[in-house]
């Protein structure tokens, strides 16, 4: 994926994180926002995955233990089509 498209996706993910946290009325925006570029690079450039086949045996797996930053994971998965 081209850099310009990755930047567009990252911007959308940032917007979704802020909207999610505002709607929830709580959360830690810094933790999620600081991981946007990482998750964008993984989900849109590096990982082998298929939202239409989430049980695909050869898919890459992500273990994201930064629990207070789960909005970035949720937004990245949603933007990926899950």
PDB file of N, CA and C in Angstrom:
ATOM      1  N   UNK A   1       0.847  -1.171   0.000  1.00  0.00           N
ATOM      2  CA  UNK A   1       0.000   0.000   0.000  1.00  0.00           C
ATOM      3  C   UNK A   1       0.894   1.237   0.000  1.00  0.00           C
ATOM      4  N   UNK A   2       0.501   2.235  -0.742  1.00  0.00           N
ATOM      5  CA  UNK A   2       1.272   3.475  -0.850  1.00  0.00           C
ATOM      6  C   UNK A   2       1.196   4.286   0.449  1.00  0.00           C
ATOM      7  N   UNK A   3       2.221   5.084   0.695  1.00  0.00           N
ATOM      8  CA  UNK A   3       2.307   5.894   1.907  1.00  0.00           C
ATOM      9  C   UNK A   3       1.095   6.802   2.071  1.00  0.00           C
ATOM     10  N   UNK A   4       0.654   7.425   0.998  1.00  0.00           N
ATOM     11  CA  UNK A   4      -0.496   8.334   1.075  1.00  0.00           C
ATOM     12  C   UNK A   4      -1.755   7.602   1.560  1.00  0.00           C
ATOM     13  N   UNK A   5      -1.959   6.391   1.092  1.00  0.00           N
ATOM     14  CA  UNK A   5      -3.122   5.598   1.518  1.00  0.00           C
ATOM     15  C   UNK A   5      -2.978   5.180   2.981  1.00  0.00           C
ATOM     16  N   UNK A   6      -1.767   4.815   3.397  1.00  0.00           N
ATOM     17  CA  UNK A   6      -1.534   4.476   4.805  1.00  0.00           C
ATOM     18  C   UNK A   6      -1.823   5.677   5.699  1.00  0.00           C
ATOM     19  N   UNK A   7      -1.403   6.864   5.272  1.00  0.00           N
ATOM     20  CA  UNK A   7      -1.660   8.078   6.052  1.00  0.00           C
ATOM     21  C   UNK A   7      -3.155   8.361   6.152  1.00  0.00           C
ATOM     22  N   UNK A   8      -3.907   8.135   5.068  1.00  0.00           N
ATOM     23  CA  UNK A   8      -5.364   8.314   5.094  1.00  0.00           C
ATOM     24  C   UNK A   8      -6.018   7.351   6.076  1.00  0.00           C
ATOM     25  N   UNK A   9      -5.569   6.112   6.056  1.00  0.00           N
ATOM     26  CA  UNK A   9      -6.122   5.107   6.975  1.00  0.00           C
ATOM     27  C   UNK A   9      -5.795   5.465   8.422  1.00  0.00           C
ATOM     28  N   UNK A  10      -4.564   5.909   8.670  1.00  0.00           N
ATOM     29  CA  UNK A  10      -4.166   6.296  10.027  1.00  0.00           C
ATOM     30  C   UNK A  10      -5.013   7.463  10.523  1.00  0.00           C
ATOM     31  N   UNK A  11      -5.277   8.418   9.659  1.00  0.00           N
ATOM     32  CA  UNK A  11      -6.107   9.568  10.037  1.00  0.00           C
ATOM     33  C   UNK A  11      -7.523   9.117  10.403  1.00  0.00           C
ATOM     34  N   UNK A  12      -8.076   8.193   9.628  1.00  0.00           N
ATOM     35  CA  UNK A  12      -9.425   7.671   9.901  1.00  0.00           C
ATOM     36  C   UNK A  12      -9.438   6.920  11.225  1.00  0.00           C
ATOM     37  N   UNK A  13      -8.407   6.141  11.484  1.00  0.00           N
ATOM     38  CA  UNK A  13      -8.320   5.396  12.739  1.00  0.00           C
ATOM     39  C   UNK A  13      -8.228   6.359  13.917  1.00  0.00           C
ATOM     40  N   UNK A  14      -7.433   7.421  13.790  1.00  0.00           N
ATOM     41  CA  UNK A  14      -7.348   8.431  14.859  1.00  0.00           C
ATOM     42  C   UNK A  14      -8.722   9.034  15.142  1.00  0.00           C
ATOM     43  N   UNK A  15      -9.432   9.402  14.074  1.00  0.00           N
ATOM     44  CA  UNK A  15     -10.771   9.976  14.221  1.00  0.00           C
ATOM     45  C   UNK A  15     -11.685   8.994  14.956  1.00  0.00           C
ATOM     46  N   UNK A  16     -11.643   7.731  14.567  1.00  0.00           N
ATOM     47  CA  UNK A  16     -12.495   6.719  15.198  1.00  0.00           C
ATOM     48  C   UNK A  16     -12.159   6.535  16.674  1.00  0.00           C
ATOM     49  N   UNK A  17     -10.880   6.601  17.016  1.00  0.00           N
ATOM     50  CA  UNK A  17     -10.469   6.474  18.420  1.00  0.00           C
ATOM     51  C   UNK A  17     -11.047   7.619  19.245  1.00  0.00           C
ATOM     52  N   UNK A  18     -10.878   8.836  18.766  1.00  0.00           N
ATOM     53  CA  UNK A  18     -11.381  10.005  19.502  1.00  0.00           C
ATOM     54  C   UNK A  18     -12.897   9.926  19.641  1.00  0.00           C
ATOM     55  N   UNK A  19     -13.575   9.563  18.558  1.00  0.00           N
ATOM     56  CA  UNK A  19     -15.038   9.442  18.602  1.00  0.00           C
ATOM     57  C   UNK A  19     -15.460   8.363  19.602  1.00  0.00           C
ATOM     58  N   UNK A  20     -14.764   7.230  19.594  1.00  0.00           N
ATOM     59  CA  UNK A  20     -15.067   6.122  20.493  1.00  0.00           C
ATOM     60  C   UNK A  20     -14.919   6.548  21.955  1.00  0.00           C
ATOM     61  N   UNK A  21     -13.811   7.222  22.261  1.00  0.00           N
ATOM     62  CA  UNK A  21     -13.557   7.627  23.643  1.00  0.00           C
ATOM     63  C   UNK A  21     -14.515   8.720  24.098  1.00  0.00           C
ATOM     64  N   UNK A  22     -14.866   9.636  23.202  1.00  0.00           N
ATOM     65  CA  UNK A  22     -15.839  10.683  23.550  1.00  0.00           C
ATOM     66  C   UNK A  22     -17.198  10.070  23.838  1.00  0.00           C
ATOM     67  N   UNK A  23     -17.593   9.138  22.998  1.00  0.00           N
ATOM     68  CA  UNK A  23     -18.895   8.495  23.182  1.00  0.00           C
ATOM     69  C   UNK A  23     -18.924   7.692  24.487  1.00  0.00           C
ATOM     70  N   UNK A  24     -17.810   7.047  24.819  1.00  0.00           N
ATOM     71  CA  UNK A  24     -17.725   6.265  26.051  1.00  0.00           C
ATOM     72  C   UNK A  24     -17.632   7.157  27.283  1.00  0.00           C
ATOM     73  N   UNK A  25     -17.121   8.366  27.100  1.00  0.00           N
ATOM     74  CA  UNK A  25     -16.961   9.270  28.234  1.00  0.00           C
ATOM     75  C   UNK A  25     -15.771   8.934  29.108  1.00  0.00           C
ATOM     76  N   UNK A  26     -14.915   8.042  28.651  1.00  0.00           N
ATOM     77  CA  UNK A  26     -13.717   7.690  29.412  1.00  0.00           C
ATOM     78  C   UNK A  26     -12.721   7.002  28.485  1.00  0.00           C
ATOM     79  N   UNK A  27     -11.535   6.774  29.001  1.00  0.00           N
ATOM     80  CA  UNK A  27     -10.493   6.105  28.228  1.00  0.00           C
ATOM     81  C   UNK A  27      -9.206   6.897  28.253  1.00  0.00           C
ATOM     82  N   UNK A  28      -8.182   6.316  27.689  1.00  0.00           N
ATOM     83  CA  UNK A  28      -6.855   6.922  27.655  1.00  0.00           C
ATOM     84  C   UNK A  28      -6.465   7.175  26.202  1.00  0.00           C
ATOM     85  N   UNK A  29      -6.717   8.364  25.693  1.00  0.00           N
ATOM     86  CA  UNK A  29      -6.443   8.616  24.272  1.00  0.00           C
ATOM     87  C   UNK A  29      -4.965   8.504  23.905  1.00  0.00           C
ATOM     88  N   UNK A  30      -4.072   8.893  24.795  1.00  0.00           N
ATOM     89  CA  UNK A  30      -2.645   8.882  24.473  1.00  0.00           C
ATOM     90  C   UNK A  30      -2.123   7.503  24.114  1.00  0.00           C
ATOM     91  N   UNK A  31      -2.513   6.506  24.862  1.00  0.00           N
ATOM     92  CA  UNK A  31      -2.055   5.142  24.594  1.00  0.00           C
ATOM     93  C   UNK A  31      -2.489   4.640  23.236  1.00  0.00           C
ATOM     94  N   UNK A  32      -3.735   4.925  22.887  1.00  0.00           N
ATOM     95  CA  UNK A  32      -4.250   4.488  21.584  1.00  0.00           C
ATOM     96  C   UNK A  32      -3.650   5.302  20.449  1.00  0.00           C
ATOM     97  N   UNK A  33      -3.624   6.613  20.615  1.00  0.00           N
ATOM     98  CA  UNK A  33      -3.135   7.476  19.537  1.00  0.00           C
ATOM     99  C   UNK A  33      -1.652   7.255  19.257  1.00  0.00           C
ATOM    100  N   UNK A  34      -0.895   6.868  20.279  1.00  0.00           N
ATOM    101  CA  UNK A  34       0.539   6.646  20.067  1.00  0.00           C
ATOM    102  C   UNK A  34       0.827   5.355  19.309  1.00  0.00           C
ATOM    103  N   UNK A  35      -0.165   4.493  19.175  1.00  0.00           N
ATOM    104  CA  UNK A  35       0.040   3.212  18.486  1.00  0.00           C
ATOM    105  C   UNK A  35      -0.611   3.166  17.103  1.00  0.00           C
ATOM    106  N   UNK A  36      -1.166   4.284  16.640  1.00  0.00           N
ATOM    107  CA  UNK A  36      -1.877   4.295  15.354  1.00  0.00           C
ATOM    108  C   UNK A  36      -0.966   3.906  14.198  1.00  0.00           C
ATOM    109  N   UNK A  37       0.214   4.480  14.109  1.00  0.00           N
ATOM    110  CA  UNK A  37       1.104   4.183  12.987  1.00  0.00           C
ATOM    111  C   UNK A  37       1.534   2.721  13.001  1.00  0.00           C
ATOM    112  N   UNK A  38       1.809   2.190  14.184  1.00  0.00           N
ATOM    113  CA  UNK A  38       2.187   0.786  14.314  1.00  0.00           C
ATOM    114  C   UNK A  38       1.081  -0.118  13.788  1.00  0.00           C
ATOM    115  N   UNK A  39      -0.139   0.092  14.268  1.00  0.00           N
ATOM    116  CA  UNK A  39      -1.255  -0.765  13.866  1.00  0.00           C
ATOM    117  C   UNK A  39      -1.603  -0.579  12.392  1.00  0.00           C
ATOM    118  N   UNK A  40      -1.491   0.640  11.889  1.00  0.00           N
ATOM    119  CA  UNK A  40      -1.762   0.888  10.470  1.00  0.00           C
ATOM    120  C   UNK A  40      -0.750   0.142   9.610  1.00  0.00           C
ATOM    121  N   UNK A  41       0.519   0.223   9.971  1.00  0.00           N
ATOM    122  CA  UNK A  41       1.553  -0.487   9.209  1.00  0.00           C
ATOM    123  C   UNK A  41       1.327  -1.998   9.255  1.00  0.00           C
ATOM    124  N   UNK A  42       0.965  -2.505  10.420  1.00  0.00           N
ATOM    125  CA  UNK A  42       0.734  -3.944  10.533  1.00  0.00           C
ATOM    126  C   UNK A  42      -0.462  -4.392   9.706  1.00  0.00           C
ATOM    127  N   UNK A  43      -1.624  -3.790   9.971  1.00  0.00           N
ATOM    128  CA  UNK A  43      -2.862  -4.284   9.362  1.00  0.00           C
ATOM    129  C   UNK A  43      -3.018  -3.944   7.885  1.00  0.00           C
ATOM    130  N   UNK A  44      -2.336  -2.915   7.406  1.00  0.00           N
ATOM    131  CA  UNK A  44      -2.528  -2.513   6.010  1.00  0.00           C
ATOM    132  C   UNK A  44      -1.290  -2.696   5.136  1.00  0.00           C
ATOM    133  N   UNK A  45      -0.205  -3.220   5.715  1.00  0.00           N
ATOM    134  CA  UNK A  45       0.995  -3.399   4.901  1.00  0.00           C
ATOM    135  C   UNK A  45       1.755  -4.692   5.205  1.00  0.00           C
ATOM    136  N   UNK A  46       1.749  -5.159   6.432  1.00  0.00           N
ATOM    137  CA  UNK A  46       2.635  -6.258   6.808  1.00  0.00           C
ATOM    138  C   UNK A  46       1.939  -7.593   7.077  1.00  0.00           C
ATOM    139  N   UNK A  47       0.836  -7.576   7.793  1.00  0.00           N
ATOM    140  CA  UNK A  47       0.201  -8.827   8.219  1.00  0.00           C
ATOM    141  C   UNK A  47      -0.489  -9.560   7.081  1.00  0.00           C
ATOM    142  N   UNK A  48      -0.444 -10.887   7.154  1.00  0.00           N
ATOM    143  CA  UNK A  48      -1.250 -11.724   6.270  1.00  0.00           C
ATOM    144  C   UNK A  48      -2.551 -12.005   7.017  1.00  0.00           C
ATOM    145  N   UNK A  49      -3.650 -11.430   6.542  1.00  0.00           N
ATOM    146  CA  UNK A  49      -4.947 -11.665   7.172  1.00  0.00           C
ATOM    147  C   UNK A  49      -6.038 -11.431   6.141  1.00  0.00           C
ATOM    148  N   UNK A  50      -7.221 -11.938   6.438  1.00  0.00           N
ATOM    149  CA  UNK A  50      -8.347 -11.797   5.529  1.00  0.00           C
ATOM    150  C   UNK A  50      -9.616 -11.636   6.358  1.00  0.00           C
ATOM    151  N   UNK A  51     -10.202 -10.436   6.383  1.00  0.00           N
ATOM    152  CA  UNK A  51     -11.403 -10.206   7.178  1.00  0.00           C
ATOM    153  C   UNK A  51     -12.574 -11.111   6.779  1.00  0.00           C
ATOM    154  N   UNK A  52     -12.586 -11.572   5.538  1.00  0.00           N
ATOM    155  CA  UNK A  52     -13.661 -12.459   5.089  1.00  0.00           C
ATOM    156  C   UNK A  52     -13.447 -13.899   5.563  1.00  0.00           C
ATOM    157  N   UNK A  53     -12.221 -14.195   5.996  1.00  0.00           N
ATOM    158  CA  UNK A  53     -11.893 -15.532   6.504  1.00  0.00           C
ATOM    159  C   UNK A  53     -11.111 -15.394   7.813  1.00  0.00           C
ATOM    160  N   UNK A  54     -11.758 -14.939   8.886  1.00  0.00           N
ATOM    161  CA  UNK A  54     -11.024 -14.709  10.136  1.00  0.00           C
ATOM    162  C   UNK A  54     -10.450 -15.982  10.757  1.00  0.00           C
ATOM    163  N   UNK A  55     -10.927 -17.144  10.313  1.00  0.00           N
ATOM    164  CA  UNK A  55     -10.400 -18.401  10.847  1.00  0.00           C
ATOM    165  C   UNK A  55      -9.351 -19.041   9.931  1.00  0.00           C
ATOM    166  N   UNK A  56      -8.860 -18.275   8.941  1.00  0.00           N
ATOM    167  CA  UNK A  56      -7.824 -18.749   8.019  1.00  0.00           C
ATOM    168  C   UNK A  56      -6.615 -19.221   8.823  1.00  0.00           C
ATOM    169  N   UNK A  57      -6.249 -20.459   8.645  1.00  0.00           N
ATOM    170  CA  UNK A  57      -5.199 -21.065   9.459  1.00  0.00           C
ATOM    171  C   UNK A  57      -3.823 -20.426   9.270  1.00  0.00           C
ATOM    172  N   UNK A  58      -3.517 -19.937   8.070  1.00  0.00           N
ATOM    173  CA  UNK A  58      -2.193 -19.370   7.800  1.00  0.00           C
ATOM    174  C   UNK A  58      -2.091 -17.871   8.065  1.00  0.00           C
ATOM    175  N   UNK A  59      -3.110 -17.292   8.690  1.00  0.00           N
ATOM    176  CA  UNK A  59      -3.081 -15.853   8.967  1.00  0.00           C
ATOM    177  C   UNK A  59      -2.020 -15.550  10.024  1.00  0.00           C
ATOM    178  N   UNK A  60      -1.541 -14.326  10.013  1.00  0.00           N
ATOM    179  CA  UNK A  60      -0.667 -13.869  11.088  1.00  0.00           C
ATOM    180  C   UNK A  60      -1.524 -13.549  12.305  1.00  0.00           C
ATOM    181  N   UNK A  61      -0.931 -13.667  13.465  1.00  0.00           N
ATOM    182  CA  UNK A  61      -1.632 -13.349  14.716  1.00  0.00           C
ATOM    183  C   UNK A  61      -0.967 -12.143  15.365  1.00  0.00           C
ATOM    184  N   UNK A  62      -1.780 -11.354  16.046  1.00  0.00           N
ATOM    185  CA  UNK A  62      -1.281 -10.189  16.774  1.00  0.00           C
ATOM    186  C   UNK A  62      -1.651 -10.364  18.237  1.00  0.00           C
ATOM    187  N   UNK A  63      -0.671 -10.222  19.108  1.00  0.00           N
ATOM    188  CA  UNK A  63      -0.925 -10.197  20.546  1.00  0.00           C
ATOM    189  C   UNK A  63      -0.644  -8.776  20.986  1.00  0.00           C
ATOM    190  N   UNK A  64      -1.693  -8.088  21.369  1.00  0.00           N
ATOM    191  CA  UNK A  64      -1.600  -6.673  21.730  1.00  0.00           C
ATOM    192  C   UNK A  64      -1.913  -6.557  23.212  1.00  0.00           C
ATOM    193  N   UNK A  65      -0.887  -6.487  24.046  1.00  0.00           N
ATOM    194  CA  UNK A  65      -1.081  -6.529  25.494  1.00  0.00           C
ATOM    195  C   UNK A  65      -1.212  -5.156  26.137  1.00  0.00           C
ATOM    196  N   UNK A  66      -1.260  -4.123  25.324  1.00  0.00           N
ATOM    197  CA  UNK A  66      -1.408  -2.759  25.834  1.00  0.00           C
ATOM    198  C   UNK A  66      -2.910  -2.502  26.034  1.00  0.00           C
ATOM    199  N   UNK A  67      -3.476  -3.124  27.076  1.00  0.00           N
ATOM    200  CA  UNK A  67      -4.923  -3.159  27.272  1.00  0.00           C
ATOM    201  C   UNK A  67      -5.615  -1.817  27.297  1.00  0.00           C
ATOM    202  N   UNK A  68      -4.985  -0.807  27.891  1.00  0.00           N
ATOM    203  CA  UNK A  68      -5.627   0.507  27.964  1.00  0.00           C
ATOM    204  C   UNK A  68      -5.679   1.190  26.603  1.00  0.00           C
ATOM    205  N   UNK A  69      -5.039   0.591  25.590  1.00  0.00           N
ATOM    206  CA  UNK A  69      -5.040   1.160  24.241  1.00  0.00           C
ATOM    207  C   UNK A  69      -5.874   0.315  23.276  1.00  0.00           C
ATOM    208  N   UNK A  70      -6.803  -0.473  23.809  1.00  0.00           N
ATOM    209  CA  UNK A  70      -7.602  -1.334  22.934  1.00  0.00           C
ATOM    210  C   UNK A  70      -8.405  -0.561  21.885  1.00  0.00           C
ATOM    211  N   UNK A  71      -8.763   0.729  22.088  1.00  0.00           N
ATOM    212  CA  UNK A  71      -9.464   1.429  21.002  1.00  0.00           C
ATOM    213  C   UNK A  71      -8.693   1.449  19.682  1.00  0.00           C
ATOM    214  N   UNK A  72      -7.369   1.488  19.719  1.00  0.00           N
ATOM    215  CA  UNK A  72      -6.615   1.473  18.457  1.00  0.00           C
ATOM    216  C   UNK A  72      -6.753   0.112  17.771  1.00  0.00           C
ATOM    217  N   UNK A  73      -6.819  -0.947  18.537  1.00  0.00           N
ATOM    218  CA  UNK A  73      -7.026  -2.274  17.952  1.00  0.00           C
ATOM    219  C   UNK A  73      -8.426  -2.371  17.356  1.00  0.00           C
ATOM    220  N   UNK A  74      -9.438  -1.935  18.116  1.00  0.00           N
ATOM    221  CA  UNK A  74     -10.819  -1.986  17.621  1.00  0.00           C
ATOM    222  C   UNK A  74     -10.976  -1.169  16.345  1.00  0.00           C
ATOM    223  N   UNK A  75     -10.419   0.037  16.328  1.00  0.00           N
ATOM    224  CA  UNK A  75     -10.542   0.910  15.156  1.00  0.00           C
ATOM    225  C   UNK A  75      -9.786   0.333  13.958  1.00  0.00           C
ATOM    226  N   UNK A  76      -8.630  -0.264  14.200  1.00  0.00           N
ATOM    227  CA  UNK A  76      -7.852  -0.869  13.114  1.00  0.00           C
ATOM    228  C   UNK A  76      -8.572  -2.076  12.524  1.00  0.00           C
ATOM    229  N   UNK A  77      -9.132  -2.895  13.390  1.00  0.00           N
ATOM    230  CA  UNK A  77      -9.887  -4.055  12.906  1.00  0.00           C
ATOM    231  C   UNK A  77     -11.113  -3.616  12.109  1.00  0.00           C
ATOM    232  N   UNK A  78     -11.819  -2.613  12.605  1.00  0.00           N
ATOM    233  CA  UNK A  78     -12.999  -2.115  11.894  1.00  0.00           C
ATOM    234  C   UNK A  78     -12.609  -1.549  10.534  1.00  0.00           C
ATOM    235  N   UNK A  79     -11.548  -0.777  10.487  1.00  0.00           N
ATOM    236  CA  UNK A  79     -11.089  -0.193   9.224  1.00  0.00           C
ATOM    237  C   UNK A  79     -10.608  -1.284   8.261  1.00  0.00           C
ATOM    238  N   UNK A  80     -10.137  -2.404   8.805  1.00  0.00           N
ATOM    239  CA  UNK A  80      -9.690  -3.530   7.979  1.00  0.00           C
ATOM    240  C   UNK A  80     -10.851  -4.338   7.417  1.00  0.00           C
ATOM    241  N   UNK A  81     -12.029  -4.133   7.966  1.00  0.00           N
ATOM    242  CA  UNK A  81     -13.193  -4.855   7.463  1.00  0.00           C
ATOM    243  C   UNK A  81     -13.692  -5.972   8.350  1.00  0.00           C
ATOM    244  N   UNK A  82     -13.164  -6.079   9.559  1.00  0.00           N
ATOM    245  CA  UNK A  82     -13.644  -7.113  10.484  1.00  0.00           C
ATOM    246  C   UNK A  82     -14.928  -6.674  11.148  1.00  0.00           C
TER     247      UNK A  82
END
